[in-house]
Amino acid sequence: MAMDTLKFKRPRADSWTRDKIESLSTLEVRQLEANAVRLEETEVAALCEQVLDARPRGRPPVRRAGRIGATRHLVPRAQALGLRGVTLGNRVWSRGGVRQSDGAVVLALWADDVQSADGASQYLLWAPNVAGSRPWSDTPGGQERLEHCRLAAESGNAEGLLVYGERIEGTLPDDKALKVLGADPHTVLTLRVQKRAEEYWASWGGGTRPAN
């Protein structure tokens, strides 16, 4: 099948059933998945993911980073959030979003910045830019994260997805990273979000739940 036929428009998205996707080659399914993510067709992207996961060589090998040694494949951050029902406000600087179906906040967390001890974990979601210490907090992405933190703190909880990569020393990975390997779409953290002084923190413990 020619690759051009995989560049569907939104009105054609409903025609992509699982049976039809399974009839494609692995390379074609990957291309279809990439186009579905770009067009924010989350249902088609999810079907492609299921088909690729069922194939022995559906995914190219990906080198993992971070403390968590899971072997599941990583996907682009936008795709991982999309599979949780989130449409990003901006595909470049958004680091989370609000799911329209239930209003839940879903946040991307840099895996290497998770602080863990005695079976509990916590993560600094946002802190003010004091004396130039966190310039990202004043950017559009940082301000969007602040609003998401406020919403999550009001409800008391949110969902979290871990993002893996290689950071640039002295720079927040939410702002710039040396390399972003991708997000784990299968491990969804149930976060308790609280405001501590002027900072917002997420905490969790007792394990994680699999993505639906």
N, C-alpha and C. Protein backbone atom coordinates (compact mmCIF):
# COMPACT_ATOMS: atom_id res chain seq x y z
N MET A 1 0.85 -1.20 0.00
CA MET A 1 0.00 0.00 0.00
C MET A 1 0.88 1.24 0.00
N ALA A 2 0.60 2.19 -0.85
CA ALA A 2 1.40 3.40 -0.94
C ALA A 2 1.26 4.20 0.34
N MET A 3 2.38 4.82 0.77
CA MET A 3 2.37 5.59 2.01
C MET A 3 1.42 6.77 1.92
N ASP A 4 1.20 7.33 0.72
CA ASP A 4 0.32 8.49 0.59
C ASP A 4 -1.09 8.17 1.03
N THR A 5 -1.50 6.91 0.89
CA THR A 5 -2.87 6.54 1.27
C THR A 5 -3.05 6.54 2.77
N LEU A 6 -1.94 6.57 3.52
CA LEU A 6 -2.01 6.55 4.97
C LEU A 6 -2.14 7.95 5.55
N LYS A 7 -2.04 8.98 4.72
CA LYS A 7 -2.15 10.35 5.20
C LYS A 7 -3.61 10.77 5.15
N PHE A 8 -4.41 10.16 6.02
CA PHE A 8 -5.84 10.37 6.00
C PHE A 8 -6.22 11.74 6.56
N LYS A 9 -7.38 12.19 6.19
CA LYS A 9 -7.95 13.38 6.78
C LYS A 9 -8.98 12.96 7.82
N ARG A 10 -9.39 13.87 8.67
CA ARG A 10 -10.29 13.54 9.78
C ARG A 10 -11.56 12.81 9.34
N PRO A 11 -12.24 13.21 8.26
CA PRO A 11 -13.46 12.50 7.89
C PRO A 11 -13.25 11.03 7.57
N ARG A 12 -12.01 10.65 7.25
CA ARG A 12 -11.73 9.25 6.91
C ARG A 12 -11.28 8.45 8.11
N ALA A 13 -11.12 9.09 9.27
CA ALA A 13 -10.56 8.39 10.42
C ALA A 13 -11.42 7.20 10.84
N ASP A 14 -12.74 7.35 10.74
CA ASP A 14 -13.63 6.27 11.18
C ASP A 14 -13.49 5.01 10.33
N SER A 15 -12.90 5.13 9.15
CA SER A 15 -12.77 3.96 8.27
C SER A 15 -11.64 3.04 8.70
N TRP A 16 -10.80 3.49 9.63
CA TRP A 16 -9.66 2.68 10.05
C TRP A 16 -10.08 1.76 11.20
N THR A 17 -10.52 0.55 10.86
CA THR A 17 -10.85 -0.46 11.85
C THR A 17 -9.59 -1.25 12.19
N ARG A 18 -9.65 -2.03 13.26
CA ARG A 18 -8.49 -2.83 13.63
C ARG A 18 -8.17 -3.86 12.54
N ASP A 19 -9.21 -4.47 11.96
CA ASP A 19 -8.97 -5.45 10.90
C ASP A 19 -8.24 -4.81 9.71
N LYS A 20 -8.64 -3.61 9.37
CA LYS A 20 -7.99 -2.94 8.24
C LYS A 20 -6.55 -2.59 8.57
N ILE A 21 -6.31 -2.15 9.79
CA ILE A 21 -4.95 -1.80 10.19
C ILE A 21 -4.07 -3.04 10.24
N GLU A 22 -4.62 -4.17 10.69
CA GLU A 22 -3.84 -5.42 10.76
C GLU A 22 -3.44 -5.92 9.39
N SER A 23 -4.15 -5.47 8.34
CA SER A 23 -3.81 -5.90 6.98
C SER A 23 -2.59 -5.15 6.43
N LEU A 24 -2.15 -4.10 7.14
CA LEU A 24 -1.01 -3.31 6.69
C LEU A 24 0.29 -3.95 7.14
N SER A 25 1.37 -3.58 6.47
CA SER A 25 2.69 -3.99 6.91
C SER A 25 3.05 -3.21 8.18
N THR A 26 4.05 -3.70 8.89
CA THR A 26 4.47 -3.02 10.12
C THR A 26 4.91 -1.59 9.85
N LEU A 27 5.66 -1.39 8.78
CA LEU A 27 6.10 -0.04 8.44
C LEU A 27 4.91 0.87 8.16
N GLU A 28 3.90 0.33 7.48
CA GLU A 28 2.71 1.13 7.16
C GLU A 28 1.92 1.47 8.43
N VAL A 29 1.86 0.53 9.37
CA VAL A 29 1.15 0.80 10.62
C VAL A 29 1.87 1.90 11.40
N ARG A 30 3.19 1.84 11.42
CA ARG A 30 3.95 2.89 12.11
C ARG A 30 3.67 4.26 11.48
N GLN A 31 3.62 4.31 10.15
CA GLN A 31 3.36 5.57 9.47
C GLN A 31 1.95 6.07 9.77
N LEU A 32 0.99 5.14 9.76
CA LEU A 32 -0.38 5.51 10.07
C LEU A 32 -0.49 6.04 11.50
N GLU A 33 0.20 5.38 12.42
CA GLU A 33 0.18 5.83 13.81
C GLU A 33 0.74 7.24 13.94
N ALA A 34 1.86 7.49 13.25
CA ALA A 34 2.46 8.83 13.31
C ALA A 34 1.51 9.89 12.77
N ASN A 35 0.82 9.58 11.68
CA ASN A 35 -0.14 10.52 11.11
C ASN A 35 -1.33 10.72 12.03
N ALA A 36 -1.79 9.63 12.68
CA ALA A 36 -2.92 9.74 13.60
C ALA A 36 -2.57 10.63 14.79
N VAL A 37 -1.36 10.48 15.31
CA VAL A 37 -0.92 11.33 16.42
C VAL A 37 -0.86 12.79 15.98
N ARG A 38 -0.31 13.02 14.79
CA ARG A 38 -0.18 14.39 14.29
C ARG A 38 -1.54 15.05 14.14
N LEU A 39 -2.54 14.26 13.71
CA LEU A 39 -3.88 14.80 13.50
C LEU A 39 -4.77 14.66 14.74
N GLU A 40 -4.14 14.17 15.84
CA GLU A 40 -4.85 14.04 17.12
C GLU A 40 -6.05 13.10 17.02
N GLU A 41 -5.92 12.07 16.20
CA GLU A 41 -6.93 11.01 16.10
C GLU A 41 -6.53 9.91 17.08
N THR A 42 -6.89 10.10 18.34
CA THR A 42 -6.39 9.22 19.40
C THR A 42 -6.89 7.78 19.27
N GLU A 43 -8.13 7.58 18.77
CA GLU A 43 -8.65 6.22 18.65
C GLU A 43 -7.87 5.43 17.60
N VAL A 44 -7.56 6.08 16.47
CA VAL A 44 -6.77 5.39 15.43
C VAL A 44 -5.36 5.12 15.95
N ALA A 45 -4.76 6.09 16.65
CA ALA A 45 -3.42 5.89 17.21
C ALA A 45 -3.41 4.73 18.20
N ALA A 46 -4.45 4.62 19.00
CA ALA A 46 -4.52 3.54 19.98
C ALA A 46 -4.64 2.18 19.28
N LEU A 47 -5.43 2.11 18.21
CA LEU A 47 -5.55 0.86 17.46
C LEU A 47 -4.21 0.47 16.84
N CYS A 48 -3.51 1.45 16.28
CA CYS A 48 -2.19 1.17 15.71
C CYS A 48 -1.25 0.64 16.78
N GLU A 49 -1.29 1.24 17.95
CA GLU A 49 -0.43 0.80 19.05
C GLU A 49 -0.72 -0.64 19.43
N GLN A 50 -2.01 -0.99 19.50
CA GLN A 50 -2.38 -2.37 19.84
C GLN A 50 -1.87 -3.35 18.79
N VAL A 51 -1.99 -2.99 17.53
CA VAL A 51 -1.52 -3.87 16.46
C VAL A 51 -0.01 -4.04 16.52
N LEU A 52 0.71 -2.94 16.71
CA LEU A 52 2.17 -3.02 16.77
C LEU A 52 2.64 -3.80 17.99
N ASP A 53 1.96 -3.62 19.13
CA ASP A 53 2.35 -4.34 20.33
C ASP A 53 2.16 -5.85 20.17
N ALA A 54 1.21 -6.25 19.33
CA ALA A 54 0.93 -7.68 19.14
C ALA A 54 1.91 -8.34 18.17
N ARG A 55 2.73 -7.54 17.49
CA ARG A 55 3.68 -8.09 16.53
C ARG A 55 5.05 -8.22 17.18
N PRO A 56 5.74 -9.35 16.94
CA PRO A 56 7.04 -9.57 17.58
C PRO A 56 8.04 -8.46 17.32
N ARG A 57 8.01 -7.88 16.12
CA ARG A 57 8.94 -6.80 15.79
C ARG A 57 8.17 -5.54 15.40
N GLY A 58 7.08 -5.33 16.12
CA GLY A 58 6.25 -4.17 15.81
C GLY A 58 6.90 -2.85 16.12
N ARG A 59 7.79 -2.87 17.11
CA ARG A 59 8.45 -1.63 17.51
C ARG A 59 9.96 -1.75 17.32
N PRO A 60 10.61 -0.68 16.86
CA PRO A 60 12.07 -0.70 16.79
C PRO A 60 12.63 -0.68 18.20
N PRO A 61 13.84 -1.25 18.41
CA PRO A 61 14.41 -1.24 19.76
C PRO A 61 14.68 0.18 20.21
N VAL A 62 14.40 0.45 21.49
CA VAL A 62 14.61 1.77 22.06
C VAL A 62 15.46 1.63 23.31
N ARG A 63 16.54 2.39 23.38
CA ARG A 63 17.38 2.38 24.57
C ARG A 63 16.68 3.16 25.67
N ARG A 64 16.57 2.54 26.85
CA ARG A 64 15.88 3.16 27.94
C ARG A 64 16.84 3.94 28.82
N ALA A 65 16.33 4.97 29.46
CA ALA A 65 17.11 5.75 30.40
C ALA A 65 16.33 5.85 31.69
N GLY A 66 17.00 6.31 32.75
CA GLY A 66 16.32 6.54 34.01
C GLY A 66 16.46 5.35 34.94
N ARG A 67 15.89 5.50 36.13
CA ARG A 67 16.05 4.49 37.16
C ARG A 67 15.12 3.31 36.97
N ILE A 68 13.99 3.51 36.30
CA ILE A 68 13.01 2.44 36.16
C ILE A 68 13.36 1.60 34.95
N GLY A 69 13.61 0.32 35.15
CA GLY A 69 14.12 -0.51 34.06
C GLY A 69 13.04 -1.27 33.33
N ALA A 70 11.89 -0.68 33.11
CA ALA A 70 10.83 -1.37 32.37
C ALA A 70 11.27 -1.60 30.94
N THR A 71 10.74 -2.65 30.34
CA THR A 71 11.14 -3.00 28.97
C THR A 71 10.11 -2.59 27.93
N ARG A 72 8.99 -1.98 28.34
CA ARG A 72 7.99 -1.57 27.37
C ARG A 72 8.53 -0.45 26.51
N HIS A 73 7.98 -0.36 25.31
CA HIS A 73 8.46 0.64 24.38
C HIS A 73 8.01 2.04 24.80
N LEU A 74 8.75 3.02 24.36
CA LEU A 74 8.41 4.42 24.60
C LEU A 74 7.78 5.01 23.36
N VAL A 75 6.93 6.00 23.56
CA VAL A 75 6.28 6.70 22.45
C VAL A 75 6.47 8.20 22.68
N PRO A 76 6.27 9.02 21.65
CA PRO A 76 6.38 10.47 21.85
C PRO A 76 5.44 10.94 22.97
N ARG A 77 5.90 11.95 23.70
CA ARG A 77 5.12 12.47 24.83
C ARG A 77 3.70 12.85 24.41
N ALA A 78 3.56 13.53 23.28
CA ALA A 78 2.23 13.95 22.82
C ALA A 78 1.34 12.75 22.58
N GLN A 79 1.91 11.67 22.05
CA GLN A 79 1.12 10.47 21.79
C GLN A 79 0.68 9.82 23.10
N ALA A 80 1.60 9.73 24.06
CA ALA A 80 1.27 9.12 25.34
C ALA A 80 0.14 9.88 26.02
N LEU A 81 0.20 11.19 25.99
CA LEU A 81 -0.86 11.99 26.59
C LEU A 81 -2.16 11.85 25.79
N GLY A 82 -2.03 11.78 24.47
CA GLY A 82 -3.21 11.59 23.63
C GLY A 82 -3.93 10.28 23.92
N LEU A 83 -3.17 9.24 24.23
CA LEU A 83 -3.77 7.95 24.55
C LEU A 83 -4.51 7.99 25.88
N ARG A 84 -4.23 9.00 26.70
CA ARG A 84 -4.98 9.21 27.95
C ARG A 84 -6.12 10.20 27.75
N GLY A 85 -6.42 10.54 26.49
CA GLY A 85 -7.55 11.41 26.20
C GLY A 85 -7.26 12.88 26.27
N VAL A 86 -5.97 13.26 26.25
CA VAL A 86 -5.58 14.67 26.39
C VAL A 86 -5.17 15.24 25.04
N THR A 87 -5.71 16.40 24.71
CA THR A 87 -5.27 17.16 23.55
C THR A 87 -4.40 18.31 24.04
N LEU A 88 -3.18 18.38 23.57
CA LEU A 88 -2.24 19.38 24.06
C LEU A 88 -2.62 20.77 23.59
N GLY A 89 -2.41 21.75 24.48
CA GLY A 89 -2.62 23.14 24.09
C GLY A 89 -1.60 23.59 23.08
N ASN A 90 -0.37 23.07 23.21
CA ASN A 90 0.71 23.39 22.28
C ASN A 90 1.62 22.17 22.19
N ARG A 91 1.86 21.67 21.00
CA ARG A 91 2.61 20.43 20.85
C ARG A 91 4.10 20.61 21.11
N VAL A 92 4.57 21.85 21.22
CA VAL A 92 5.98 22.09 21.49
C VAL A 92 6.25 22.22 22.98
N TRP A 93 5.51 23.09 23.67
CA TRP A 93 5.85 23.35 25.06
C TRP A 93 4.88 22.82 26.09
N SER A 94 3.75 22.25 25.71
CA SER A 94 2.83 21.68 26.69
C SER A 94 3.42 20.43 27.33
N ARG A 95 3.29 20.32 28.64
CA ARG A 95 3.79 19.17 29.39
C ARG A 95 2.67 18.46 30.13
N GLY A 96 1.45 18.62 29.63
CA GLY A 96 0.30 17.98 30.23
C GLY A 96 -0.96 18.60 29.66
N GLY A 97 -2.10 18.18 30.21
CA GLY A 97 -3.36 18.71 29.72
C GLY A 97 -4.51 18.23 30.57
N VAL A 98 -5.71 18.66 30.19
CA VAL A 98 -6.93 18.30 30.91
C VAL A 98 -7.78 17.41 30.00
N ARG A 99 -8.16 16.24 30.50
CA ARG A 99 -8.97 15.32 29.72
C ARG A 99 -10.40 15.85 29.68
N GLN A 100 -10.93 16.01 28.48
CA GLN A 100 -12.25 16.61 28.33
C GLN A 100 -13.36 15.72 28.88
N SER A 101 -13.18 14.42 28.83
CA SER A 101 -14.26 13.51 29.21
C SER A 101 -14.61 13.60 30.69
N ASP A 102 -13.60 13.83 31.55
CA ASP A 102 -13.88 13.88 32.99
C ASP A 102 -13.18 15.01 33.72
N GLY A 103 -12.42 15.85 33.00
CA GLY A 103 -11.75 16.98 33.63
C GLY A 103 -10.50 16.63 34.38
N ALA A 104 -10.01 15.38 34.27
CA ALA A 104 -8.80 14.97 34.99
C ALA A 104 -7.56 15.61 34.37
N VAL A 105 -6.64 16.02 35.23
CA VAL A 105 -5.36 16.58 34.78
C VAL A 105 -4.37 15.43 34.58
N VAL A 106 -3.70 15.42 33.44
CA VAL A 106 -2.69 14.40 33.14
C VAL A 106 -1.37 15.12 32.88
N LEU A 107 -0.32 14.74 33.61
CA LEU A 107 0.94 15.46 33.57
C LEU A 107 2.09 14.54 33.16
N ALA A 108 3.01 15.08 32.38
CA ALA A 108 4.23 14.36 32.02
C ALA A 108 5.31 14.71 33.03
N LEU A 109 5.95 13.68 33.59
CA LEU A 109 6.97 13.85 34.62
C LEU A 109 8.30 13.31 34.12
N TRP A 110 9.37 14.05 34.33
CA TRP A 110 10.71 13.59 33.95
C TRP A 110 11.15 12.51 34.92
N ALA A 111 11.36 11.30 34.43
CA ALA A 111 11.57 10.14 35.29
C ALA A 111 12.75 10.31 36.24
N ASP A 112 13.85 10.89 35.78
CA ASP A 112 15.03 11.01 36.62
C ASP A 112 14.88 12.02 37.75
N ASP A 113 13.80 12.82 37.74
CA ASP A 113 13.59 13.80 38.80
C ASP A 113 12.64 13.30 39.87
N VAL A 114 12.18 12.05 39.76
CA VAL A 114 11.34 11.47 40.79
C VAL A 114 12.18 11.18 42.03
N GLN A 115 11.71 11.61 43.18
CA GLN A 115 12.38 11.37 44.45
C GLN A 115 11.65 10.24 45.18
N SER A 116 12.36 9.15 45.45
CA SER A 116 11.72 7.99 46.07
C SER A 116 12.46 7.57 47.33
N ALA A 117 11.68 7.16 48.34
CA ALA A 117 12.24 6.65 49.59
C ALA A 117 11.16 5.90 50.34
N ASP A 118 11.53 4.73 50.88
CA ASP A 118 10.63 3.93 51.71
C ASP A 118 9.30 3.62 51.01
N GLY A 119 9.35 3.36 49.72
CA GLY A 119 8.17 2.96 48.99
C GLY A 119 7.26 4.09 48.56
N ALA A 120 7.63 5.33 48.89
CA ALA A 120 6.83 6.49 48.49
C ALA A 120 7.65 7.36 47.55
N SER A 121 6.96 8.07 46.67
CA SER A 121 7.65 8.92 45.70
C SER A 121 7.01 10.30 45.70
N GLN A 122 7.82 11.28 45.32
CA GLN A 122 7.30 12.63 45.17
C GLN A 122 8.03 13.32 44.03
N TYR A 123 7.42 14.40 43.55
CA TYR A 123 7.95 15.09 42.37
C TYR A 123 7.56 16.56 42.45
N LEU A 124 8.54 17.43 42.25
CA LEU A 124 8.28 18.87 42.23
C LEU A 124 7.69 19.24 40.88
N LEU A 125 6.40 19.56 40.85
CA LEU A 125 5.73 19.89 39.61
C LEU A 125 6.00 21.31 39.15
N TRP A 126 6.01 22.25 40.09
CA TRP A 126 6.21 23.65 39.72
C TRP A 126 6.69 24.42 40.94
N ALA A 127 7.59 25.36 40.70
CA ALA A 127 8.08 26.28 41.74
C ALA A 127 8.33 27.62 41.09
N PRO A 128 8.19 28.71 41.84
CA PRO A 128 8.37 30.04 41.24
C PRO A 128 9.81 30.28 40.82
N ASN A 129 9.98 31.18 39.89
CA ASN A 129 11.31 31.54 39.39
C ASN A 129 11.89 32.62 40.30
N VAL A 130 12.59 32.16 41.33
CA VAL A 130 13.18 33.06 42.32
C VAL A 130 14.62 33.36 41.93
N ALA A 131 14.91 34.64 41.69
CA ALA A 131 16.27 35.07 41.34
C ALA A 131 16.84 34.29 40.16
N GLY A 132 15.98 33.98 39.19
CA GLY A 132 16.45 33.29 37.99
C GLY A 132 16.71 31.82 38.17
N SER A 133 16.21 31.23 39.27
CA SER A 133 16.50 29.82 39.55
C SER A 133 15.71 28.86 38.67
N ARG A 134 14.53 29.28 38.22
CA ARG A 134 13.68 28.41 37.41
C ARG A 134 13.01 29.24 36.31
N PRO A 135 13.76 29.70 35.33
CA PRO A 135 13.17 30.55 34.29
C PRO A 135 12.05 29.89 33.52
N TRP A 136 12.06 28.54 33.44
CA TRP A 136 10.99 27.86 32.72
C TRP A 136 9.62 28.15 33.33
N SER A 137 9.58 28.41 34.63
CA SER A 137 8.30 28.64 35.29
C SER A 137 7.57 29.86 34.74
N ASP A 138 8.31 30.80 34.17
CA ASP A 138 7.72 32.02 33.63
C ASP A 138 7.36 31.92 32.15
N THR A 139 7.70 30.80 31.51
CA THR A 139 7.40 30.61 30.09
C THR A 139 5.95 30.18 29.91
N PRO A 140 5.43 30.20 28.69
CA PRO A 140 4.07 29.70 28.47
C PRO A 140 3.88 28.27 28.98
N GLY A 141 4.88 27.42 28.75
CA GLY A 141 4.78 26.05 29.24
C GLY A 141 4.73 25.99 30.75
N GLY A 142 5.56 26.80 31.40
CA GLY A 142 5.58 26.82 32.85
C GLY A 142 4.30 27.38 33.44
N GLN A 143 3.75 28.40 32.82
CA GLN A 143 2.49 28.98 33.29
C GLN A 143 1.32 28.02 33.07
N GLU A 144 1.37 27.27 31.97
CA GLU A 144 0.33 26.26 31.76
C GLU A 144 0.44 25.18 32.83
N ARG A 145 1.67 24.75 33.15
CA ARG A 145 1.85 23.75 34.21
C ARG A 145 1.31 24.28 35.54
N LEU A 146 1.53 25.56 35.82
CA LEU A 146 1.02 26.15 37.06
C LEU A 146 -0.51 26.05 37.11
N GLU A 147 -1.18 26.37 36.00
CA GLU A 147 -2.64 26.27 35.97
C GLU A 147 -3.10 24.84 36.14
N HIS A 148 -2.39 23.89 35.52
CA HIS A 148 -2.74 22.49 35.69
C HIS A 148 -2.55 22.06 37.15
N CYS A 149 -1.50 22.56 37.80
CA CYS A 149 -1.26 22.25 39.21
C CYS A 149 -2.40 22.77 40.07
N ARG A 150 -2.85 23.98 39.80
CA ARG A 150 -3.95 24.55 40.57
C ARG A 150 -5.22 23.71 40.43
N LEU A 151 -5.51 23.29 39.19
CA LEU A 151 -6.69 22.46 38.96
C LEU A 151 -6.56 21.12 39.69
N ALA A 152 -5.38 20.51 39.59
CA ALA A 152 -5.16 19.21 40.23
C ALA A 152 -5.22 19.33 41.75
N ALA A 153 -4.70 20.42 42.31
CA ALA A 153 -4.72 20.61 43.75
C ALA A 153 -6.15 20.78 44.25
N GLU A 154 -6.99 21.42 43.45
CA GLU A 154 -8.40 21.59 43.83
C GLU A 154 -9.11 20.24 43.94
N SER A 155 -8.82 19.35 42.99
CA SER A 155 -9.45 18.03 43.03
C SER A 155 -8.68 17.07 43.92
N GLY A 156 -7.40 17.38 44.15
CA GLY A 156 -6.57 16.55 45.03
C GLY A 156 -5.78 15.49 44.32
N ASN A 157 -6.04 15.26 43.04
CA ASN A 157 -5.31 14.20 42.36
C ASN A 157 -5.18 14.50 40.87
N ALA A 158 -4.33 13.70 40.22
CA ALA A 158 -4.08 13.81 38.79
C ALA A 158 -3.46 12.50 38.33
N GLU A 159 -3.24 12.38 37.04
CA GLU A 159 -2.52 11.23 36.50
C GLU A 159 -1.14 11.68 36.02
N GLY A 160 -0.17 10.79 36.12
CA GLY A 160 1.18 11.11 35.68
C GLY A 160 1.75 10.07 34.74
N LEU A 161 2.50 10.52 33.74
CA LEU A 161 3.21 9.65 32.81
C LEU A 161 4.69 9.97 32.88
N LEU A 162 5.52 8.95 32.90
CA LEU A 162 6.97 9.15 33.02
C LEU A 162 7.61 9.33 31.65
N VAL A 163 8.45 10.36 31.55
CA VAL A 163 9.19 10.66 30.33
C VAL A 163 10.67 10.38 30.58
N TYR A 164 11.32 9.71 29.65
CA TYR A 164 12.72 9.32 29.79
C TYR A 164 13.59 10.07 28.78
N GLY A 165 14.82 10.33 29.18
CA GLY A 165 15.74 11.00 28.28
C GLY A 165 17.04 11.36 28.97
N GLU A 166 17.80 12.22 28.35
CA GLU A 166 19.07 12.68 28.89
C GLU A 166 18.99 14.19 29.06
N ARG A 167 19.24 14.66 30.27
CA ARG A 167 19.08 16.05 30.60
C ARG A 167 20.34 16.85 30.34
N ILE A 168 20.18 18.16 30.26
CA ILE A 168 21.29 19.10 30.18
C ILE A 168 21.53 19.63 31.59
N GLU A 169 22.72 19.45 32.12
CA GLU A 169 23.01 19.88 33.48
C GLU A 169 22.76 21.38 33.63
N GLY A 170 22.09 21.73 34.72
CA GLY A 170 21.83 23.12 35.00
C GLY A 170 20.59 23.67 34.33
N THR A 171 19.86 22.81 33.60
CA THR A 171 18.65 23.24 32.90
C THR A 171 17.51 22.30 33.25
N LEU A 172 16.34 22.85 33.48
CA LEU A 172 15.18 22.01 33.75
C LEU A 172 14.84 21.19 32.51
N PRO A 173 14.66 19.88 32.64
CA PRO A 173 14.34 19.07 31.46
C PRO A 173 12.99 19.44 30.85
N ASP A 174 12.09 20.04 31.63
CA ASP A 174 10.83 20.50 31.05
C ASP A 174 11.07 21.61 30.04
N ASP A 175 12.19 22.31 30.19
CA ASP A 175 12.52 23.40 29.27
C ASP A 175 13.34 22.89 28.09
N LYS A 176 14.49 22.30 28.40
CA LYS A 176 15.38 21.77 27.37
C LYS A 176 15.99 20.46 27.85
N ALA A 177 16.19 19.54 26.92
CA ALA A 177 16.84 18.27 27.24
C ALA A 177 17.82 17.93 26.14
N LEU A 178 18.88 17.21 26.52
CA LEU A 178 19.84 16.77 25.52
C LEU A 178 19.19 15.79 24.56
N LYS A 179 18.36 14.90 25.11
CA LYS A 179 17.66 13.91 24.29
C LYS A 179 16.40 13.47 25.02
N VAL A 180 15.29 13.41 24.31
CA VAL A 180 14.04 12.87 24.86
C VAL A 180 13.76 11.55 24.16
N LEU A 181 13.82 10.46 24.92
CA LEU A 181 13.61 9.14 24.34
C LEU A 181 12.13 8.82 24.19
N GLY A 182 11.30 9.41 25.02
CA GLY A 182 9.86 9.19 24.91
C GLY A 182 9.23 8.93 26.27
N ALA A 183 7.92 8.70 26.24
CA ALA A 183 7.14 8.47 27.45
C ALA A 183 6.64 7.03 27.47
N ASP A 184 6.47 6.49 28.68
CA ASP A 184 5.92 5.15 28.86
C ASP A 184 4.40 5.28 28.93
N PRO A 185 3.67 4.83 27.89
CA PRO A 185 2.22 5.00 27.89
C PRO A 185 1.49 3.97 28.72
N HIS A 186 2.19 2.95 29.21
CA HIS A 186 1.54 1.85 29.88
C HIS A 186 1.54 1.99 31.41
N THR A 187 2.38 2.84 31.94
CA THR A 187 2.44 3.03 33.39
C THR A 187 1.85 4.39 33.73
N VAL A 188 0.71 4.38 34.40
CA VAL A 188 0.01 5.61 34.75
C VAL A 188 0.05 5.77 36.27
N LEU A 189 0.65 6.85 36.72
CA LEU A 189 0.76 7.12 38.15
C LEU A 189 -0.49 7.86 38.64
N THR A 190 -1.00 7.46 39.79
CA THR A 190 -2.10 8.17 40.43
C THR A 190 -1.50 9.15 41.43
N LEU A 191 -1.55 10.43 41.10
CA LEU A 191 -0.84 11.46 41.86
C LEU A 191 -1.76 12.15 42.86
N ARG A 192 -1.21 12.47 44.02
CA ARG A 192 -1.84 13.38 44.96
C ARG A 192 -1.11 14.72 44.83
N VAL A 193 -1.81 15.74 44.44
CA VAL A 193 -1.19 17.04 44.17
C VAL A 193 -1.51 18.01 45.31
N GLN A 194 -0.47 18.61 45.87
CA GLN A 194 -0.61 19.52 46.99
C GLN A 194 0.24 20.76 46.78
N LYS A 195 -0.21 21.88 47.34
CA LYS A 195 0.59 23.10 47.34
C LYS A 195 1.33 23.19 48.66
N ARG A 196 2.64 23.36 48.59
CA ARG A 196 3.48 23.51 49.76
C ARG A 196 4.17 24.86 49.66
N ALA A 197 3.76 25.79 50.49
CA ALA A 197 4.23 27.17 50.37
C ALA A 197 3.88 27.67 48.97
N GLU A 198 4.87 28.03 48.17
CA GLU A 198 4.60 28.50 46.81
C GLU A 198 4.87 27.44 45.76
N GLU A 199 5.14 26.21 46.19
CA GLU A 199 5.46 25.13 45.27
C GLU A 199 4.31 24.13 45.19
N TYR A 200 4.26 23.44 44.05
CA TYR A 200 3.29 22.36 43.87
C TYR A 200 4.04 21.03 43.75
N TRP A 201 3.61 20.06 44.55
CA TRP A 201 4.25 18.75 44.56
C TRP A 201 3.23 17.66 44.27
N ALA A 202 3.71 16.62 43.61
CA ALA A 202 2.92 15.41 43.41
C ALA A 202 3.54 14.30 44.24
N SER A 203 2.72 13.48 44.85
CA SER A 203 3.23 12.34 45.62
C SER A 203 2.39 11.11 45.32
N TRP A 204 3.00 9.97 45.45
CA TRP A 204 2.29 8.70 45.23
C TRP A 204 3.05 7.59 45.93
N GLY A 205 2.40 6.49 46.12
CA GLY A 205 3.02 5.35 46.78
C GLY A 205 2.15 4.13 46.61
N GLY A 206 2.71 2.97 46.97
CA GLY A 206 1.95 1.73 46.87
C GLY A 206 1.83 1.18 45.46
N GLY A 207 2.73 1.60 44.55
CA GLY A 207 2.73 1.05 43.21
C GLY A 207 1.96 1.92 42.25
N THR A 208 1.87 1.43 41.01
CA THR A 208 1.18 2.13 39.94
C THR A 208 0.11 1.23 39.36
N ARG A 209 -0.80 1.82 38.64
CA ARG A 209 -1.84 1.02 37.99
C ARG A 209 -1.62 1.02 36.48
N PRO A 210 -1.95 -0.07 35.80
CA PRO A 210 -1.75 -0.10 34.35
C PRO A 210 -2.73 0.82 33.64
N ALA A 211 -2.32 1.29 32.49
CA ALA A 211 -3.21 2.13 31.70
C ALA A 211 -4.36 1.30 31.18
N ASN A 212 -5.52 1.94 31.08
CA ASN A 212 -6.70 1.26 30.54
C ASN A 212 -6.58 1.07 29.04
